[in-house]
Protein backbone atom coordinates (compact mmCIF):
# COMPACT_ATOMS: atom_id res chain seq x y z
CA UNK A 1 0.00 0.00 0.00
CA UNK A 2 1.38 3.39 -0.99
CA UNK A 3 1.56 6.53 1.10
CA UNK A 4 -1.44 8.08 -0.64
CA UNK A 5 -3.58 5.05 0.17
CA UNK A 6 -2.43 5.01 3.80
CA UNK A 7 -3.23 8.68 4.25
CA UNK A 8 -6.64 8.21 2.61
CA UNK A 9 -7.40 5.23 4.87
CA UNK A 10 -6.58 7.21 8.01
CA UNK A 11 -8.53 10.26 6.90
CA UNK A 12 -11.54 8.02 6.24
CA UNK A 13 -11.16 6.50 9.72
CA UNK A 14 -10.90 9.96 11.29
CA UNK A 15 -14.05 11.15 9.53
CA UNK A 16 -15.93 8.01 10.57
CA UNK A 17 -14.97 8.65 14.20
CA UNK A 18 -16.64 12.06 13.99
CA UNK A 19 -19.92 10.15 13.79
CA UNK A 20 -21.61 12.57 11.40
CA UNK A 21 -20.18 15.74 12.97
CA UNK A 22 -18.99 18.18 10.30
CA UNK A 23 -15.24 18.87 10.70
CA UNK A 24 -13.95 22.45 10.64
CA UNK A 25 -10.72 23.48 8.91
CA UNK A 26 -10.04 19.89 7.86
CA UNK A 27 -7.51 20.91 5.21
CA UNK A 28 -5.37 22.88 7.68
CA UNK A 29 -5.67 20.12 10.27
CA UNK A 30 -4.51 17.38 7.89
CA UNK A 31 -1.65 19.41 6.41
CA UNK A 32 -0.41 20.39 9.87
CA UNK A 33 -0.60 16.85 11.25
CA UNK A 34 1.07 15.31 8.19
CA UNK A 35 3.83 17.93 8.12
CA UNK A 36 4.55 17.48 11.82
CA UNK A 37 4.73 13.69 11.44
CA UNK A 38 6.89 14.05 8.31
CA UNK A 39 9.38 16.27 10.11
CA UNK A 40 9.55 13.93 13.11
CA UNK A 41 10.06 10.85 10.94
CA UNK A 42 12.67 12.50 8.75
CA UNK A 43 14.61 13.82 11.74
CA UNK A 44 14.50 10.36 13.32
CA UNK A 45 15.72 8.68 10.12
CA UNK A 46 18.55 11.22 9.82
CA UNK A 47 19.57 10.81 13.48
CA UNK A 48 18.52 14.45 14.04
CA UNK A 49 21.00 15.66 11.42
CA UNK A 50 19.18 18.75 10.18
CA UNK A 51 21.23 19.10 7.01
CA UNK A 52 20.54 15.50 6.04
CA UNK A 53 16.85 15.80 6.95
CA UNK A 54 16.54 18.98 4.86
CA UNK A 55 18.18 17.23 1.93
CA UNK A 56 15.81 14.27 2.28
CA UNK A 57 12.84 16.67 2.30
CA UNK A 58 14.12 18.76 -0.60
CA UNK A 59 14.06 21.99 1.42
CA UNK A 60 16.74 24.27 2.81
CA UNK A 61 18.07 23.78 6.32
CA UNK A 62 16.72 27.23 7.20
CA UNK A 63 13.23 26.26 6.06
CA UNK A 64 13.49 23.03 8.03
CA UNK A 65 14.46 24.94 11.17
CA UNK A 66 11.57 27.38 10.66
CA UNK A 67 9.11 24.50 10.34
CA UNK A 68 10.68 22.73 13.35
CA UNK A 69 10.17 25.86 15.46
CA UNK A 70 6.54 26.04 14.36
CA UNK A 71 5.92 22.50 15.61
CA UNK A 72 8.00 22.82 18.77
CA UNK A 73 10.71 20.46 17.55
CA UNK A 74 13.58 22.81 18.39
CA UNK A 75 14.66 23.33 21.96
PDB file of N, CA and C in Angstrom:
ATOM      1  N   UNK A   1       0.860  -1.180   0.000  1.00  0.00           N
ATOM      2  CA  UNK A   1       0.000   0.000   0.000  1.00  0.00           C
ATOM      3  C   UNK A   1       0.897   1.230   0.000  1.00  0.00           C
ATOM      4  N   UNK A   2       0.598   2.167  -0.893  1.00  0.00           N
ATOM      5  CA  UNK A   2       1.384   3.387  -0.993  1.00  0.00           C
ATOM      6  C   UNK A   2       0.996   4.420   0.049  1.00  0.00           C
ATOM      7  N   UNK A   3       1.798   5.461   0.126  1.00  0.00           N
ATOM      8  CA  UNK A   3       1.564   6.528   1.101  1.00  0.00           C
ATOM      9  C   UNK A   3       0.197   7.183   0.900  1.00  0.00           C
ATOM     10  N   UNK A   4      -0.143   7.452  -0.346  1.00  0.00           N
ATOM     11  CA  UNK A   4      -1.438   8.079  -0.640  1.00  0.00           C
ATOM     12  C   UNK A   4      -2.591   7.240  -0.100  1.00  0.00           C
ATOM     13  N   UNK A   5      -2.521   5.942  -0.306  1.00  0.00           N
ATOM     14  CA  UNK A   5      -3.580   5.053   0.166  1.00  0.00           C
ATOM     15  C   UNK A   5      -3.629   5.010   1.689  1.00  0.00           C
ATOM     16  N   UNK A   6      -2.472   5.010   2.328  1.00  0.00           N
ATOM     17  CA  UNK A   6      -2.430   5.007   3.797  1.00  0.00           C
ATOM     18  C   UNK A   6      -3.042   6.284   4.371  1.00  0.00           C
ATOM     19  N   UNK A   7      -2.688   7.409   3.781  1.00  0.00           N
ATOM     20  CA  UNK A   7      -3.228   8.685   4.249  1.00  0.00           C
ATOM     21  C   UNK A   7      -4.741   8.689   4.061  1.00  0.00           C
ATOM     22  N   UNK A   8      -5.196   8.258   2.894  1.00  0.00           N
ATOM     23  CA  UNK A   8      -6.637   8.211   2.613  1.00  0.00           C
ATOM     24  C   UNK A   8      -7.360   7.334   3.632  1.00  0.00           C
ATOM     25  N   UNK A   9      -6.786   6.167   3.914  1.00  0.00           N
ATOM     26  CA  UNK A   9      -7.395   5.231   4.867  1.00  0.00           C
ATOM     27  C   UNK A   9      -7.560   5.891   6.239  1.00  0.00           C
ATOM     28  N   UNK A  10      -6.529   6.596   6.682  1.00  0.00           N
ATOM     29  CA  UNK A  10      -6.577   7.207   8.013  1.00  0.00           C
ATOM     30  C   UNK A  10      -7.508   8.422   8.049  1.00  0.00           C
ATOM     31  N   UNK A  11      -7.580   9.156   6.955  1.00  0.00           N
ATOM     32  CA  UNK A  11      -8.533  10.264   6.899  1.00  0.00           C
ATOM     33  C   UNK A  11      -9.958   9.720   6.943  1.00  0.00           C
ATOM     34  N   UNK A  12     -10.217   8.648   6.198  1.00  0.00           N
ATOM     35  CA  UNK A  12     -11.539   8.020   6.238  1.00  0.00           C
ATOM     36  C   UNK A  12     -11.889   7.573   7.659  1.00  0.00           C
ATOM     37  N   UNK A  13     -10.934   6.954   8.344  1.00  0.00           N
ATOM     38  CA  UNK A  13     -11.160   6.502   9.723  1.00  0.00           C
ATOM     39  C   UNK A  13     -11.448   7.690  10.636  1.00  0.00           C
ATOM     40  N   UNK A  14     -10.699   8.771  10.473  1.00  0.00           N
ATOM     41  CA  UNK A  14     -10.903   9.961  11.292  1.00  0.00           C
ATOM     42  C   UNK A  14     -12.317  10.511  11.086  1.00  0.00           C
ATOM     43  N   UNK A  15     -12.721  10.609   9.827  1.00  0.00           N
ATOM     44  CA  UNK A  15     -14.050  11.149   9.527  1.00  0.00           C
ATOM     45  C   UNK A  15     -15.156  10.246  10.069  1.00  0.00           C
ATOM     46  N   UNK A  16     -14.948   8.946  10.009  1.00  0.00           N
ATOM     47  CA  UNK A  16     -15.934   8.014  10.568  1.00  0.00           C
ATOM     48  C   UNK A  16     -16.054   8.189  12.076  1.00  0.00           C
ATOM     49  N   UNK A  17     -14.951   8.464  12.750  1.00  0.00           N
ATOM     50  CA  UNK A  17     -14.965   8.651  14.204  1.00  0.00           C
ATOM     51  C   UNK A  17     -15.734   9.900  14.610  1.00  0.00           C
ATOM     52  N   UNK A  18     -15.890  10.833  13.682  1.00  0.00           N
ATOM     53  CA  UNK A  18     -16.641  12.056  13.990  1.00  0.00           C
ATOM     54  C   UNK A  18     -18.135  11.785  14.096  1.00  0.00           C
ATOM     55  N   UNK A  19     -18.531  10.598  13.647  1.00  0.00           N
ATOM     56  CA  UNK A  19     -19.921  10.146  13.791  1.00  0.00           C
ATOM     57  C   UNK A  19     -20.920  11.171  13.265  1.00  0.00           C
ATOM     58  N   UNK A  20     -20.683  11.648  12.042  1.00  0.00           N
ATOM     59  CA  UNK A  20     -21.612  12.572  11.404  1.00  0.00           C
ATOM     60  C   UNK A  20     -21.356  14.041  11.688  1.00  0.00           C
ATOM     61  N   UNK A  21     -20.501  14.343  12.668  1.00  0.00           N
ATOM     62  CA  UNK A  21     -20.180  15.738  12.965  1.00  0.00           C
ATOM     63  C   UNK A  21     -19.383  16.312  11.789  1.00  0.00           C
ATOM     64  N   UNK A  22     -19.677  17.536  11.411  1.00  0.00           N
ATOM     65  CA  UNK A  22     -18.992  18.180  10.295  1.00  0.00           C
ATOM     66  C   UNK A  22     -17.675  18.781  10.795  1.00  0.00           C
ATOM     67  N   UNK A  23     -16.534  18.336  10.244  1.00  0.00           N
ATOM     68  CA  UNK A  23     -15.236  18.868  10.695  1.00  0.00           C
ATOM     69  C   UNK A  23     -15.039  20.311  10.229  1.00  0.00           C
ATOM     70  N   UNK A  24     -14.294  21.071  10.988  1.00  0.00           N
ATOM     71  CA  UNK A  24     -13.946  22.446  10.637  1.00  0.00           C
ATOM     72  C   UNK A  24     -12.462  22.515  10.306  1.00  0.00           C
ATOM     73  N   UNK A  25     -12.123  23.270   9.291  1.00  0.00           N
ATOM     74  CA  UNK A  25     -10.721  23.483   8.908  1.00  0.00           C
ATOM     75  C   UNK A  25      -9.973  22.168   8.692  1.00  0.00           C
ATOM     76  N   UNK A  26     -10.629  21.223   8.072  1.00  0.00           N
ATOM     77  CA  UNK A  26     -10.041  19.894   7.862  1.00  0.00           C
ATOM     78  C   UNK A  26      -8.748  19.961   7.061  1.00  0.00           C
ATOM     79  N   UNK A  27      -8.720  20.795   6.036  1.00  0.00           N
ATOM     80  CA  UNK A  27      -7.512  20.912   5.212  1.00  0.00           C
ATOM     81  C   UNK A  27      -6.318  21.320   6.071  1.00  0.00           C
ATOM     82  N   UNK A  28      -6.469  22.404   6.836  1.00  0.00           N
ATOM     83  CA  UNK A  28      -5.371  22.879   7.681  1.00  0.00           C
ATOM     84  C   UNK A  28      -4.967  21.834   8.717  1.00  0.00           C
ATOM     85  N   UNK A  29      -5.947  21.152   9.287  1.00  0.00           N
ATOM     86  CA  UNK A  29      -5.667  20.121  10.273  1.00  0.00           C
ATOM     87  C   UNK A  29      -4.814  19.000   9.670  1.00  0.00           C
ATOM     88  N   UNK A  30      -5.228  18.498   8.514  1.00  0.00           N
ATOM     89  CA  UNK A  30      -4.514  17.380   7.888  1.00  0.00           C
ATOM     90  C   UNK A  30      -3.110  17.799   7.481  1.00  0.00           C
ATOM     91  N   UNK A  31      -2.978  18.953   6.848  1.00  0.00           N
ATOM     92  CA  UNK A  31      -1.654  19.411   6.408  1.00  0.00           C
ATOM     93  C   UNK A  31      -0.724  19.584   7.612  1.00  0.00           C
ATOM     94  N   UNK A  32      -1.217  20.178   8.672  1.00  0.00           N
ATOM     95  CA  UNK A  32      -0.411  20.386   9.872  1.00  0.00           C
ATOM     96  C   UNK A  32       0.022  19.062  10.497  1.00  0.00           C
ATOM     97  N   UNK A  33      -0.909  18.143  10.634  1.00  0.00           N
ATOM     98  CA  UNK A  33      -0.596  16.850  11.250  1.00  0.00           C
ATOM     99  C   UNK A  33       0.394  16.044  10.391  1.00  0.00           C
ATOM    100  N   UNK A  34       0.177  16.061   9.085  1.00  0.00           N
ATOM    101  CA  UNK A  34       1.069  15.311   8.191  1.00  0.00           C
ATOM    102  C   UNK A  34       2.458  15.941   8.190  1.00  0.00           C
ATOM    103  N   UNK A  35       2.527  17.264   8.124  1.00  0.00           N
ATOM    104  CA  UNK A  35       3.831  17.928   8.117  1.00  0.00           C
ATOM    105  C   UNK A  35       4.595  17.660   9.411  1.00  0.00           C
ATOM    106  N   UNK A  36       3.910  17.738  10.523  1.00  0.00           N
ATOM    107  CA  UNK A  36       4.548  17.480  11.817  1.00  0.00           C
ATOM    108  C   UNK A  36       5.115  16.052  11.855  1.00  0.00           C
ATOM    109  N   UNK A  37       4.291  15.090  11.464  1.00  0.00           N
ATOM    110  CA  UNK A  37       4.735  13.692  11.443  1.00  0.00           C
ATOM    111  C   UNK A  37       5.886  13.489  10.463  1.00  0.00           C
ATOM    112  N   UNK A  38       5.828  14.154   9.312  1.00  0.00           N
ATOM    113  CA  UNK A  38       6.886  14.047   8.308  1.00  0.00           C
ATOM    114  C   UNK A  38       8.212  14.571   8.858  1.00  0.00           C
ATOM    115  N   UNK A  39       8.167  15.710   9.524  1.00  0.00           N
ATOM    116  CA  UNK A  39       9.384  16.268  10.107  1.00  0.00           C
ATOM    117  C   UNK A  39       9.952  15.340  11.180  1.00  0.00           C
ATOM    118  N   UNK A  40       9.088  14.840  12.061  1.00  0.00           N
ATOM    119  CA  UNK A  40       9.553  13.931  13.112  1.00  0.00           C
ATOM    120  C   UNK A  40      10.191  12.680  12.519  1.00  0.00           C
ATOM    121  N   UNK A  41       9.544  12.082  11.540  1.00  0.00           N
ATOM    122  CA  UNK A  41      10.055  10.845  10.941  1.00  0.00           C
ATOM    123  C   UNK A  41      11.372  11.087  10.217  1.00  0.00           C
ATOM    124  N   UNK A  42      11.452  12.197   9.498  1.00  0.00           N
ATOM    125  CA  UNK A  42      12.674  12.503   8.750  1.00  0.00           C
ATOM    126  C   UNK A  42      13.826  12.801   9.696  1.00  0.00           C
ATOM    127  N   UNK A  43      13.558  13.540  10.752  1.00  0.00           N
ATOM    128  CA  UNK A  43      14.611  13.819  11.739  1.00  0.00           C
ATOM    129  C   UNK A  43      15.070  12.531  12.411  1.00  0.00           C
ATOM    130  N   UNK A  44      14.143  11.644  12.711  1.00  0.00           N
ATOM    131  CA  UNK A  44      14.497  10.358  13.317  1.00  0.00           C
ATOM    132  C   UNK A  44      15.382   9.548  12.370  1.00  0.00           C
ATOM    133  N   UNK A  45      14.975   9.470  11.109  1.00  0.00           N
ATOM    134  CA  UNK A  45      15.725   8.684  10.120  1.00  0.00           C
ATOM    135  C   UNK A  45      17.102   9.270   9.844  1.00  0.00           C
ATOM    136  N   UNK A  46      17.259  10.569  10.049  1.00  0.00           N
ATOM    137  CA  UNK A  46      18.552  11.225   9.818  1.00  0.00           C
ATOM    138  C   UNK A  46      19.366  11.368  11.108  1.00  0.00           C
ATOM    139  N   UNK A  47      18.916  10.704  12.168  1.00  0.00           N
ATOM    140  CA  UNK A  47      19.569  10.809  13.484  1.00  0.00           C
ATOM    141  C   UNK A  47      19.680  12.264  13.935  1.00  0.00           C
ATOM    142  N   UNK A  48      18.607  13.030  13.677  1.00  0.00           N
ATOM    143  CA  UNK A  48      18.519  14.447  14.038  1.00  0.00           C
ATOM    144  C   UNK A  48      19.546  15.328  13.337  1.00  0.00           C
ATOM    145  N   UNK A  49      20.092  14.851  12.229  1.00  0.00           N
ATOM    146  CA  UNK A  49      21.001  15.661  11.425  1.00  0.00           C
ATOM    147  C   UNK A  49      20.136  16.554  10.536  1.00  0.00           C
ATOM    148  N   UNK A  50      20.075  17.831  10.877  1.00  0.00           N
ATOM    149  CA  UNK A  50      19.176  18.745  10.182  1.00  0.00           C
ATOM    150  C   UNK A  50      19.544  18.930   8.717  1.00  0.00           C
ATOM    151  N   UNK A  51      20.822  18.950   8.410  1.00  0.00           N
ATOM    152  CA  UNK A  51      21.232  19.096   7.008  1.00  0.00           C
ATOM    153  C   UNK A  51      20.778  17.899   6.187  1.00  0.00           C
ATOM    154  N   UNK A  52      20.955  16.711   6.733  1.00  0.00           N
ATOM    155  CA  UNK A  52      20.541  15.496   6.036  1.00  0.00           C
ATOM    156  C   UNK A  52      19.016  15.441   5.913  1.00  0.00           C
ATOM    157  N   UNK A  53      18.313  15.803   6.978  1.00  0.00           N
ATOM    158  CA  UNK A  53      16.848  15.805   6.946  1.00  0.00           C
ATOM    159  C   UNK A  53      16.341  16.793   5.897  1.00  0.00           C
ATOM    160  N   UNK A  54      16.936  17.977   5.845  1.00  0.00           N
ATOM    161  CA  UNK A  54      16.537  18.984   4.860  1.00  0.00           C
ATOM    162  C   UNK A  54      16.767  18.464   3.447  1.00  0.00           C
ATOM    163  N   UNK A  55      17.887  17.799   3.244  1.00  0.00           N
ATOM    164  CA  UNK A  55      18.181  17.226   1.927  1.00  0.00           C
ATOM    165  C   UNK A  55      17.149  16.162   1.560  1.00  0.00           C
ATOM    166  N   UNK A  56      16.813  15.305   2.522  1.00  0.00           N
ATOM    167  CA  UNK A  56      15.806  14.271   2.279  1.00  0.00           C
ATOM    168  C   UNK A  56      14.461  14.885   1.896  1.00  0.00           C
ATOM    169  N   UNK A  57      14.124  16.005   2.531  1.00  0.00           N
ATOM    170  CA  UNK A  57      12.843  16.667   2.301  1.00  0.00           C
ATOM    171  C   UNK A  57      12.837  17.548   1.055  1.00  0.00           C
ATOM    172  N   UNK A  58      14.030  17.882   0.558  1.00  0.00           N
ATOM    173  CA  UNK A  58      14.117  18.760  -0.602  1.00  0.00           C
ATOM    174  C   UNK A  58      13.861  20.215  -0.263  1.00  0.00           C
ATOM    175  N   UNK A  59      14.212  20.599   0.975  1.00  0.00           N
ATOM    176  CA  UNK A  59      14.062  21.987   1.421  1.00  0.00           C
ATOM    177  C   UNK A  59      15.382  22.448   2.005  1.00  0.00           C
ATOM    178  N   UNK A  60      15.516  23.751   2.206  1.00  0.00           N
ATOM    179  CA  UNK A  60      16.745  24.267   2.808  1.00  0.00           C
ATOM    180  C   UNK A  60      16.757  23.974   4.305  1.00  0.00           C
ATOM    181  N   UNK A  61      17.941  23.994   4.881  1.00  0.00           N
ATOM    182  CA  UNK A  61      18.071  23.778   6.322  1.00  0.00           C
ATOM    183  C   UNK A  61      17.350  24.890   7.087  1.00  0.00           C
ATOM    184  N   UNK A  62      17.410  26.109   6.561  1.00  0.00           N
ATOM    185  CA  UNK A  62      16.717  27.227   7.196  1.00  0.00           C
ATOM    186  C   UNK A  62      15.205  27.023   7.224  1.00  0.00           C
ATOM    187  N   UNK A  63      14.670  26.544   6.116  1.00  0.00           N
ATOM    188  CA  UNK A  63      13.234  26.257   6.059  1.00  0.00           C
ATOM    189  C   UNK A  63      12.882  25.147   7.031  1.00  0.00           C
ATOM    190  N   UNK A  64      13.730  24.130   7.087  1.00  0.00           N
ATOM    191  CA  UNK A  64      13.493  23.034   8.029  1.00  0.00           C
ATOM    192  C   UNK A  64      13.448  23.571   9.452  1.00  0.00           C
ATOM    193  N   UNK A  65      14.410  24.400   9.807  1.00  0.00           N
ATOM    194  CA  UNK A  65      14.460  24.942  11.173  1.00  0.00           C
ATOM    195  C   UNK A  65      13.226  25.812  11.464  1.00  0.00           C
ATOM    196  N   UNK A  66      12.781  26.575  10.488  1.00  0.00           N
ATOM    197  CA  UNK A  66      11.573  27.383  10.657  1.00  0.00           C
ATOM    198  C   UNK A  66      10.370  26.493  10.938  1.00  0.00           C
ATOM    199  N   UNK A  67      10.229  25.423  10.161  1.00  0.00           N
ATOM    200  CA  UNK A  67       9.110  24.498  10.339  1.00  0.00           C
ATOM    201  C   UNK A  67       9.236  23.749  11.668  1.00  0.00           C
ATOM    202  N   UNK A  68      10.459  23.398  12.066  1.00  0.00           N
ATOM    203  CA  UNK A  68      10.680  22.726  13.348  1.00  0.00           C
ATOM    204  C   UNK A  68      10.246  23.629  14.497  1.00  0.00           C
ATOM    205  N   UNK A  69      10.581  24.909  14.419  1.00  0.00           N
ATOM    206  CA  UNK A  69      10.171  25.860  15.458  1.00  0.00           C
ATOM    207  C   UNK A  69       8.649  25.924  15.545  1.00  0.00           C
ATOM    208  N   UNK A  70       8.005  25.962  14.399  1.00  0.00           N
ATOM    209  CA  UNK A  70       6.545  26.040  14.356  1.00  0.00           C
ATOM    210  C   UNK A  70       5.899  24.888  15.096  1.00  0.00           C
ATOM    211  N   UNK A  71       6.489  23.697  14.981  1.00  0.00           N
ATOM    212  CA  UNK A  71       5.919  22.497  15.609  1.00  0.00           C
ATOM    213  C   UNK A  71       6.566  22.165  16.952  1.00  0.00           C
ATOM    214  N   UNK A  72       7.395  23.046  17.467  1.00  0.00           N
ATOM    215  CA  UNK A  72       7.999  22.822  18.772  1.00  0.00           C
ATOM    216  C   UNK A  72       9.034  21.706  18.772  1.00  0.00           C
ATOM    217  N   UNK A  73       9.716  21.517  17.655  1.00  0.00           N
ATOM    218  CA  UNK A  73      10.713  20.460  17.549  1.00  0.00           C
ATOM    219  C   UNK A  73      12.132  20.954  17.787  1.00  0.00           C
ATOM    220  N   UNK A  74      12.276  22.234  18.060  1.00  0.00           N
ATOM    221  CA  UNK A  74      13.584  22.813  18.389  1.00  0.00           C
ATOM    222  C   UNK A  74      13.563  23.242  19.849  1.00  0.00           C
ATOM    223  N   UNK A  75      14.626  22.911  20.553  1.00  0.00           N
ATOM    224  CA  UNK A  75      14.663  23.333  21.958  1.00  0.00           C
ATOM    225  C   UNK A  75      15.460  24.592  22.132  1.00  0.00           C
TER     226      UNK A  75
END
